[in-house]
Structure formats: C-alpha cells, structure tokens
C-alpha cells in the first residue's frame, strides 16, 4: 500500500497502512480474548483446541509473510 502511493503521498499511505494493522491487531486480540473467555465459562466447549489452531495458523502466516519480504 505504501509502495503503491505516489511519492508526495507516501507518508499518508504509510500512516493508513499502520492504522489498518493496528485495527486488525486490536480486533484479533478482542476475538481471541472472547473465545478464551467463553471456553473458561463453559459456554463454548472445545474452545481451547480452536485457540491453539488459530495460533498455529497465525504463526504460519506470519512466517510466510516474512519469508516473502
């Protein structure tokens, strides 16, 4: 996103990219926290396994993204 912006708007593009990353991180933490809480309350059984799978998928995706750059 920042690389595709014209040079006079590079700072704006980088700021937008950082804002989107932070919003995505906040939403991800909120979702995982909610799933973890539901699992401990007994509302949603089997949530522990789901959280482990989501964590493993996140690790794989992050390592693949770093390998590309």
PDB file of N, CA and C in Angstrom:
ATOM      1  N   UNK A   1       0.828  -1.179   0.000  1.00  0.00           N
ATOM      2  CA  UNK A   1       0.000   0.000   0.000  1.00  0.00           C
ATOM      3  C   UNK A   1       0.873   1.244   0.000  1.00  0.00           C
ATOM      4  N   UNK A   2       1.856   1.293   0.886  1.00  0.00           N
ATOM      5  CA  UNK A   2       2.716   2.462   0.950  1.00  0.00           C
ATOM      6  C   UNK A   2       3.582   2.568  -0.295  1.00  0.00           C
ATOM      7  N   UNK A   3       3.999   1.437  -0.863  1.00  0.00           N
ATOM      8  CA  UNK A   3       4.849   1.463  -2.048  1.00  0.00           C
ATOM      9  C   UNK A   3       4.087   1.891  -3.289  1.00  0.00           C
ATOM     10  N   UNK A   4       2.778   1.643  -3.319  1.00  0.00           N
ATOM     11  CA  UNK A   4       1.999   2.000  -4.499  1.00  0.00           C
ATOM     12  C   UNK A   4       1.527   3.446  -4.475  1.00  0.00           C
ATOM     13  N   UNK A   5       1.711   4.139  -3.365  1.00  0.00           N
ATOM     14  CA  UNK A   5       1.290   5.540  -3.267  1.00  0.00           C
ATOM     15  C   UNK A   5       2.305   6.432  -3.977  1.00  0.00           C
ATOM     16  N   UNK A   6       1.837   7.520  -4.577  1.00  0.00           N
ATOM     17  CA  UNK A   6       2.774   8.471  -5.176  1.00  0.00           C
ATOM     18  C   UNK A   6       3.715   9.037  -4.108  1.00  0.00           C
ATOM     19  N   UNK A   7       4.881   9.492  -4.514  1.00  0.00           N
ATOM     20  CA  UNK A   7       5.898   9.934  -3.552  1.00  0.00           C
ATOM     21  C   UNK A   7       5.409  11.075  -2.668  1.00  0.00           C
ATOM     22  N   UNK A   8       4.555  11.945  -3.191  1.00  0.00           N
ATOM     23  CA  UNK A   8       4.070  13.054  -2.358  1.00  0.00           C
ATOM     24  C   UNK A   8       3.042  12.595  -1.318  1.00  0.00           C
ATOM     25  N   UNK A   9       2.510  11.389  -1.471  1.00  0.00           N
ATOM     26  CA  UNK A   9       1.538  10.848  -0.512  1.00  0.00           C
ATOM     27  C   UNK A   9       2.076   9.626   0.233  1.00  0.00           C
ATOM     28  N   UNK A  10       3.391   9.436   0.194  1.00  0.00           N
ATOM     29  CA  UNK A  10       3.989   8.252   0.810  1.00  0.00           C
ATOM     30  C   UNK A  10       3.735   8.209   2.313  1.00  0.00           C
ATOM     31  N   UNK A  11       3.852   9.353   2.980  1.00  0.00           N
ATOM     32  CA  UNK A  11       3.624   9.380   4.430  1.00  0.00           C
ATOM     33  C   UNK A  11       2.172   9.062   4.759  1.00  0.00           C
ATOM     34  N   UNK A  12       1.255   9.550   3.948  1.00  0.00           N
ATOM     35  CA  UNK A  12      -0.166   9.259   4.169  1.00  0.00           C
ATOM     36  C   UNK A  12      -0.447   7.779   3.964  1.00  0.00           C
ATOM     37  N   UNK A  13       0.138   7.199   2.937  1.00  0.00           N
ATOM     38  CA  UNK A  13      -0.037   5.771   2.681  1.00  0.00           C
ATOM     39  C   UNK A  13       0.521   4.920   3.802  1.00  0.00           C
ATOM     40  N   UNK A  14       1.677   5.296   4.316  1.00  0.00           N
ATOM     41  CA  UNK A  14       2.281   4.548   5.419  1.00  0.00           C
ATOM     42  C   UNK A  14       1.437   4.681   6.683  1.00  0.00           C
ATOM     43  N   UNK A  15       0.909   5.879   6.918  1.00  0.00           N
ATOM     44  CA  UNK A  15       0.043   6.079   8.081  1.00  0.00           C
ATOM     45  C   UNK A  15      -1.233   5.257   7.988  1.00  0.00           C
ATOM     46  N   UNK A  16      -1.819   5.195   6.794  1.00  0.00           N
ATOM     47  CA  UNK A  16      -3.026   4.391   6.608  1.00  0.00           C
ATOM     48  C   UNK A  16      -2.723   2.912   6.820  1.00  0.00           C
ATOM     49  N   UNK A  17      -1.603   2.448   6.314  1.00  0.00           N
ATOM     50  CA  UNK A  17      -1.206   1.050   6.495  1.00  0.00           C
ATOM     51  C   UNK A  17      -1.010   0.721   7.971  1.00  0.00           C
ATOM     52  N   UNK A  18      -0.333   1.589   8.703  1.00  0.00           N
ATOM     53  CA  UNK A  18      -0.118   1.347  10.131  1.00  0.00           C
ATOM     54  C   UNK A  18      -1.434   1.359  10.896  1.00  0.00           C
ATOM     55  N   UNK A  19      -2.351   2.251  10.523  1.00  0.00           N
ATOM     56  CA  UNK A  19      -3.654   2.295  11.180  1.00  0.00           C
ATOM     57  C   UNK A  19      -4.456   1.028  10.946  1.00  0.00           C
ATOM     58  N   UNK A  20      -4.407   0.519   9.728  1.00  0.00           N
ATOM     59  CA  UNK A  20      -5.119  -0.721   9.409  1.00  0.00           C
ATOM     60  C   UNK A  20      -4.512  -1.896  10.172  1.00  0.00           C
ATOM     61  N   UNK A  21      -3.190  -1.941  10.256  1.00  0.00           N
ATOM     62  CA  UNK A  21      -2.530  -3.017  11.011  1.00  0.00           C
ATOM     63  C   UNK A  21      -2.933  -2.982  12.485  1.00  0.00           C
ATOM     64  N   UNK A  22      -2.942  -1.793  13.072  1.00  0.00           N
ATOM     65  CA  UNK A  22      -3.298  -1.680  14.487  1.00  0.00           C
ATOM     66  C   UNK A  22      -4.755  -2.064  14.725  1.00  0.00           C
ATOM     67  N   UNK A  23      -5.642  -1.655  13.826  1.00  0.00           N
ATOM     68  CA  UNK A  23      -7.055  -2.011  13.974  1.00  0.00           C
ATOM     69  C   UNK A  23      -7.234  -3.525  13.858  1.00  0.00           C
ATOM     70  N   UNK A  24      -6.550  -4.150  12.910  1.00  0.00           N
ATOM     71  CA  UNK A  24      -6.627  -5.597  12.754  1.00  0.00           C
ATOM     72  C   UNK A  24      -6.094  -6.327  13.971  1.00  0.00           C
ATOM     73  N   UNK A  25      -5.018  -5.816  14.540  1.00  0.00           N
ATOM     74  CA  UNK A  25      -4.463  -6.438  15.748  1.00  0.00           C
ATOM     75  C   UNK A  25      -5.433  -6.319  16.912  1.00  0.00           C
ATOM     76  N   UNK A  26      -6.049  -5.159  17.067  1.00  0.00           N
ATOM     77  CA  UNK A  26      -6.996  -4.957  18.164  1.00  0.00           C
ATOM     78  C   UNK A  26      -8.210  -5.873  18.018  1.00  0.00           C
ATOM     79  N   UNK A  27      -8.707  -6.003  16.806  1.00  0.00           N
ATOM     80  CA  UNK A  27      -9.860  -6.885  16.574  1.00  0.00           C
ATOM     81  C   UNK A  27      -9.476  -8.342  16.831  1.00  0.00           C
ATOM     82  N   UNK A  28      -8.292  -8.739  16.393  1.00  0.00           N
ATOM     83  CA  UNK A  28      -7.837 -10.105  16.620  1.00  0.00           C
ATOM     84  C   UNK A  28      -7.702 -10.432  18.098  1.00  0.00           C
ATOM     85  N   UNK A  29      -7.130  -9.513  18.866  1.00  0.00           N
ATOM     86  CA  UNK A  29      -6.994  -9.725  20.310  1.00  0.00           C
ATOM     87  C   UNK A  29      -8.366  -9.814  20.959  1.00  0.00           C
ATOM     88  N   UNK A  30      -9.300  -8.958  20.532  1.00  0.00           N
ATOM     89  CA  UNK A  30     -10.647  -8.983  21.105  1.00  0.00           C
ATOM     90  C   UNK A  30     -11.353 -10.308  20.808  1.00  0.00           C
ATOM     91  N   UNK A  31     -11.223 -10.791  19.582  1.00  0.00           N
ATOM     92  CA  UNK A  31     -11.883 -12.052  19.214  1.00  0.00           C
ATOM     93  C   UNK A  31     -11.281 -13.224  19.984  1.00  0.00           C
ATOM     94  N   UNK A  32      -9.952 -13.286  20.037  1.00  0.00           N
ATOM     95  CA  UNK A  32      -9.315 -14.387  20.761  1.00  0.00           C
ATOM     96  C   UNK A  32      -9.602 -14.315  22.252  1.00  0.00           C
ATOM     97  N   UNK A  33      -9.646 -13.113  22.806  1.00  0.00           N
ATOM     98  CA  UNK A  33      -9.988 -12.968  24.216  1.00  0.00           C
ATOM     99  C   UNK A  33     -11.408 -13.417  24.500  1.00  0.00           C
ATOM    100  N   UNK A  34     -12.325 -13.089  23.590  1.00  0.00           N
ATOM    101  CA  UNK A  34     -13.710 -13.519  23.754  1.00  0.00           C
ATOM    102  C   UNK A  34     -13.833 -15.024  23.669  1.00  0.00           C
ATOM    103  N   UNK A  35     -13.155 -15.631  22.706  1.00  0.00           N
ATOM    104  CA  UNK A  35     -13.195 -17.094  22.590  1.00  0.00           C
ATOM    105  C   UNK A  35     -12.614 -17.768  23.828  1.00  0.00           C
ATOM    106  N   UNK A  36     -11.522 -17.225  24.333  1.00  0.00           N
ATOM    107  CA  UNK A  36     -10.912 -17.801  25.523  1.00  0.00           C
ATOM    108  C   UNK A  36     -11.808 -17.680  26.736  1.00  0.00           C
ATOM    109  N   UNK A  37     -12.486 -16.562  26.863  1.00  0.00           N
ATOM    110  CA  UNK A  37     -13.398 -16.361  27.994  1.00  0.00           C
ATOM    111  C   UNK A  37     -14.597 -17.294  27.899  1.00  0.00           C
ATOM    112  N   UNK A  38     -15.140 -17.447  26.716  1.00  0.00           N
ATOM    113  CA  UNK A  38     -16.284 -18.344  26.549  1.00  0.00           C
ATOM    114  C   UNK A  38     -15.903 -19.780  26.880  1.00  0.00           C
ATOM    115  N   UNK A  39     -14.685 -20.154  26.551  1.00  0.00           N
ATOM    116  CA  UNK A  39     -14.240 -21.511  26.847  1.00  0.00           C
ATOM    117  C   UNK A  39     -14.094 -21.752  28.333  1.00  0.00           C
ATOM    118  N   UNK A  40     -13.614 -20.752  29.081  1.00  0.00           N
ATOM    119  CA  UNK A  40     -13.442 -20.939  30.521  1.00  0.00           C
ATOM    120  C   UNK A  40     -14.776 -20.892  31.262  1.00  0.00           C
ATOM    121  N   UNK A  41     -15.752 -20.222  30.686  1.00  0.00           N
ATOM    122  CA  UNK A  41     -17.070 -20.159  31.318  1.00  0.00           C
ATOM    123  C   UNK A  41     -17.900 -21.406  31.033  1.00  0.00           C
ATOM    124  N   UNK A  42     -17.437 -22.245  30.143  1.00  0.00           N
ATOM    125  CA  UNK A  42     -18.187 -23.438  29.789  1.00  0.00           C
ATOM    126  C   UNK A  42     -19.285 -23.169  28.775  1.00  0.00           C
ATOM    127  N   UNK A  43     -19.342 -21.939  28.263  1.00  0.00           N
ATOM    128  CA  UNK A  43     -20.370 -21.583  27.290  1.00  0.00           C
ATOM    129  C   UNK A  43     -20.097 -22.228  25.942  1.00  0.00           C
ATOM    130  N   UNK A  44     -18.840 -22.294  25.584  1.00  0.00           N
ATOM    131  CA  UNK A  44     -18.452 -22.813  24.285  1.00  0.00           C
ATOM    132  C   UNK A  44     -17.399 -23.897  24.485  1.00  0.00           C
ATOM    133  N   UNK A  45     -17.792 -25.155  24.607  1.00  0.00           N
ATOM    134  CA  UNK A  45     -16.814 -26.213  24.869  1.00  0.00           C
ATOM    135  C   UNK A  45     -15.879 -26.432  23.683  1.00  0.00           C
ATOM    136  N   UNK A  46     -14.676 -26.834  23.987  1.00  0.00           N
ATOM    137  CA  UNK A  46     -13.703 -27.116  22.941  1.00  0.00           C
ATOM    138  C   UNK A  46     -13.004 -25.894  22.401  1.00  0.00           C
ATOM    139  N   UNK A  47     -13.112 -24.777  23.091  1.00  0.00           N
ATOM    140  CA  UNK A  47     -12.510 -23.547  22.590  1.00  0.00           C
ATOM    141  C   UNK A  47     -10.991 -23.577  22.683  1.00  0.00           C
ATOM    142  N   UNK A  48     -10.459 -24.320  23.655  1.00  0.00           N
ATOM    143  CA  UNK A  48      -9.014 -24.393  23.802  1.00  0.00           C
ATOM    144  C   UNK A  48      -8.343 -24.923  22.552  1.00  0.00           C
ATOM    145  N   UNK A  49      -8.904 -25.953  21.959  1.00  0.00           N
ATOM    146  CA  UNK A  49      -8.354 -26.501  20.716  1.00  0.00           C
ATOM    147  C   UNK A  49      -8.450 -25.517  19.569  1.00  0.00           C
ATOM    148  N   UNK A  50      -9.545 -24.784  19.523  1.00  0.00           N
ATOM    149  CA  UNK A  50      -9.729 -23.783  18.468  1.00  0.00           C
ATOM    150  C   UNK A  50      -8.679 -22.687  18.602  1.00  0.00           C
ATOM    151  N   UNK A  51      -8.426 -22.246  19.830  1.00  0.00           N
ATOM    152  CA  UNK A  51      -7.415 -21.213  20.045  1.00  0.00           C
ATOM    153  C   UNK A  51      -6.025 -21.686  19.648  1.00  0.00           C
ATOM    154  N   UNK A  52      -5.710 -22.941  19.920  1.00  0.00           N
ATOM    155  CA  UNK A  52      -4.407 -23.487  19.541  1.00  0.00           C
ATOM    156  C   UNK A  52      -4.272 -23.516  18.021  1.00  0.00           C
ATOM    157  N   UNK A  53      -5.314 -23.945  17.330  1.00  0.00           N
ATOM    158  CA  UNK A  53      -5.277 -23.995  15.860  1.00  0.00           C
ATOM    159  C   UNK A  53      -5.153 -22.592  15.288  1.00  0.00           C
ATOM    160  N   UNK A  54      -5.905 -21.640  15.820  1.00  0.00           N
ATOM    161  CA  UNK A  54      -5.815 -20.258  15.334  1.00  0.00           C
ATOM    162  C   UNK A  54      -4.401 -19.714  15.555  1.00  0.00           C
ATOM    163  N   UNK A  55      -3.816 -20.000  16.704  1.00  0.00           N
ATOM    164  CA  UNK A  55      -2.456 -19.554  16.974  1.00  0.00           C
ATOM    165  C   UNK A  55      -1.445 -20.150  16.015  1.00  0.00           C
ATOM    166  N   UNK A  56      -1.575 -21.443  15.737  1.00  0.00           N
ATOM    167  CA  UNK A  56      -0.659 -22.089  14.795  1.00  0.00           C
ATOM    168  C   UNK A  56      -0.803 -21.527  13.384  1.00  0.00           C
ATOM    169  N   UNK A  57      -2.041 -21.281  12.965  1.00  0.00           N
ATOM    170  CA  UNK A  57      -2.270 -20.685  11.644  1.00  0.00           C
ATOM    171  C   UNK A  57      -1.643 -19.297  11.573  1.00  0.00           C
ATOM    172  N   UNK A  58      -1.796 -18.523  12.644  1.00  0.00           N
ATOM    173  CA  UNK A  58      -1.202 -17.180  12.670  1.00  0.00           C
ATOM    174  C   UNK A  58       0.312 -17.250  12.569  1.00  0.00           C
ATOM    175  N   UNK A  59       0.929 -18.176  13.272  1.00  0.00           N
ATOM    176  CA  UNK A  59       2.390 -18.319  13.221  1.00  0.00           C
ATOM    177  C   UNK A  59       2.839 -18.678  11.810  1.00  0.00           C
ATOM    178  N   UNK A  60       2.134 -19.589  11.164  1.00  0.00           N
ATOM    179  CA  UNK A  60       2.498 -19.993   9.797  1.00  0.00           C
ATOM    180  C   UNK A  60       2.346 -18.820   8.840  1.00  0.00           C
ATOM    181  N   UNK A  61       1.237 -18.094   8.937  1.00  0.00           N
ATOM    182  CA  UNK A  61       1.017 -16.955   8.039  1.00  0.00           C
ATOM    183  C   UNK A  61       2.053 -15.871   8.235  1.00  0.00           C
ATOM    184  N   UNK A  62       2.416 -15.595   9.479  1.00  0.00           N
ATOM    185  CA  UNK A  62       3.432 -14.566   9.735  1.00  0.00           C
ATOM    186  C   UNK A  62       4.791 -14.998   9.208  1.00  0.00           C
ATOM    187  N   UNK A  63       5.137 -16.269   9.389  1.00  0.00           N
ATOM    188  CA  UNK A  63       6.442 -16.727   8.890  1.00  0.00           C
ATOM    189  C   UNK A  63       6.480 -16.735   7.365  1.00  0.00           C
ATOM    190  N   UNK A  64       5.360 -17.052   6.728  1.00  0.00           N
ATOM    191  CA  UNK A  64       5.316 -16.989   5.261  1.00  0.00           C
ATOM    192  C   UNK A  64       5.438 -15.555   4.761  1.00  0.00           C
ATOM    193  N   UNK A  65       4.786 -14.621   5.442  1.00  0.00           N
ATOM    194  CA  UNK A  65       4.867 -13.210   5.048  1.00  0.00           C
ATOM    195  C   UNK A  65       6.283 -12.674   5.218  1.00  0.00           C
ATOM    196  N   UNK A  66       6.959 -13.089   6.276  1.00  0.00           N
ATOM    197  CA  UNK A  66       8.342 -12.632   6.486  1.00  0.00           C
ATOM    198  C   UNK A  66       9.287 -13.256   5.481  1.00  0.00           C
ATOM    199  N   UNK A  67       9.013 -14.473   5.054  1.00  0.00           N
ATOM    200  CA  UNK A  67       9.882 -15.127   4.080  1.00  0.00           C
ATOM    201  C   UNK A  67       9.798 -14.431   2.719  1.00  0.00           C
ATOM    202  N   UNK A  68       8.645 -13.878   2.404  1.00  0.00           N
ATOM    203  CA  UNK A  68       8.478 -13.181   1.123  1.00  0.00           C
ATOM    204  C   UNK A  68       9.210 -11.850   1.086  1.00  0.00           C
ATOM    205  N   UNK A  69       9.330 -11.186   2.235  1.00  0.00           N
ATOM    206  CA  UNK A  69       9.958  -9.851   2.229  1.00  0.00           C
ATOM    207  C   UNK A  69      11.417  -9.885   2.527  1.00  0.00           C
TER     208      UNK A  69
END
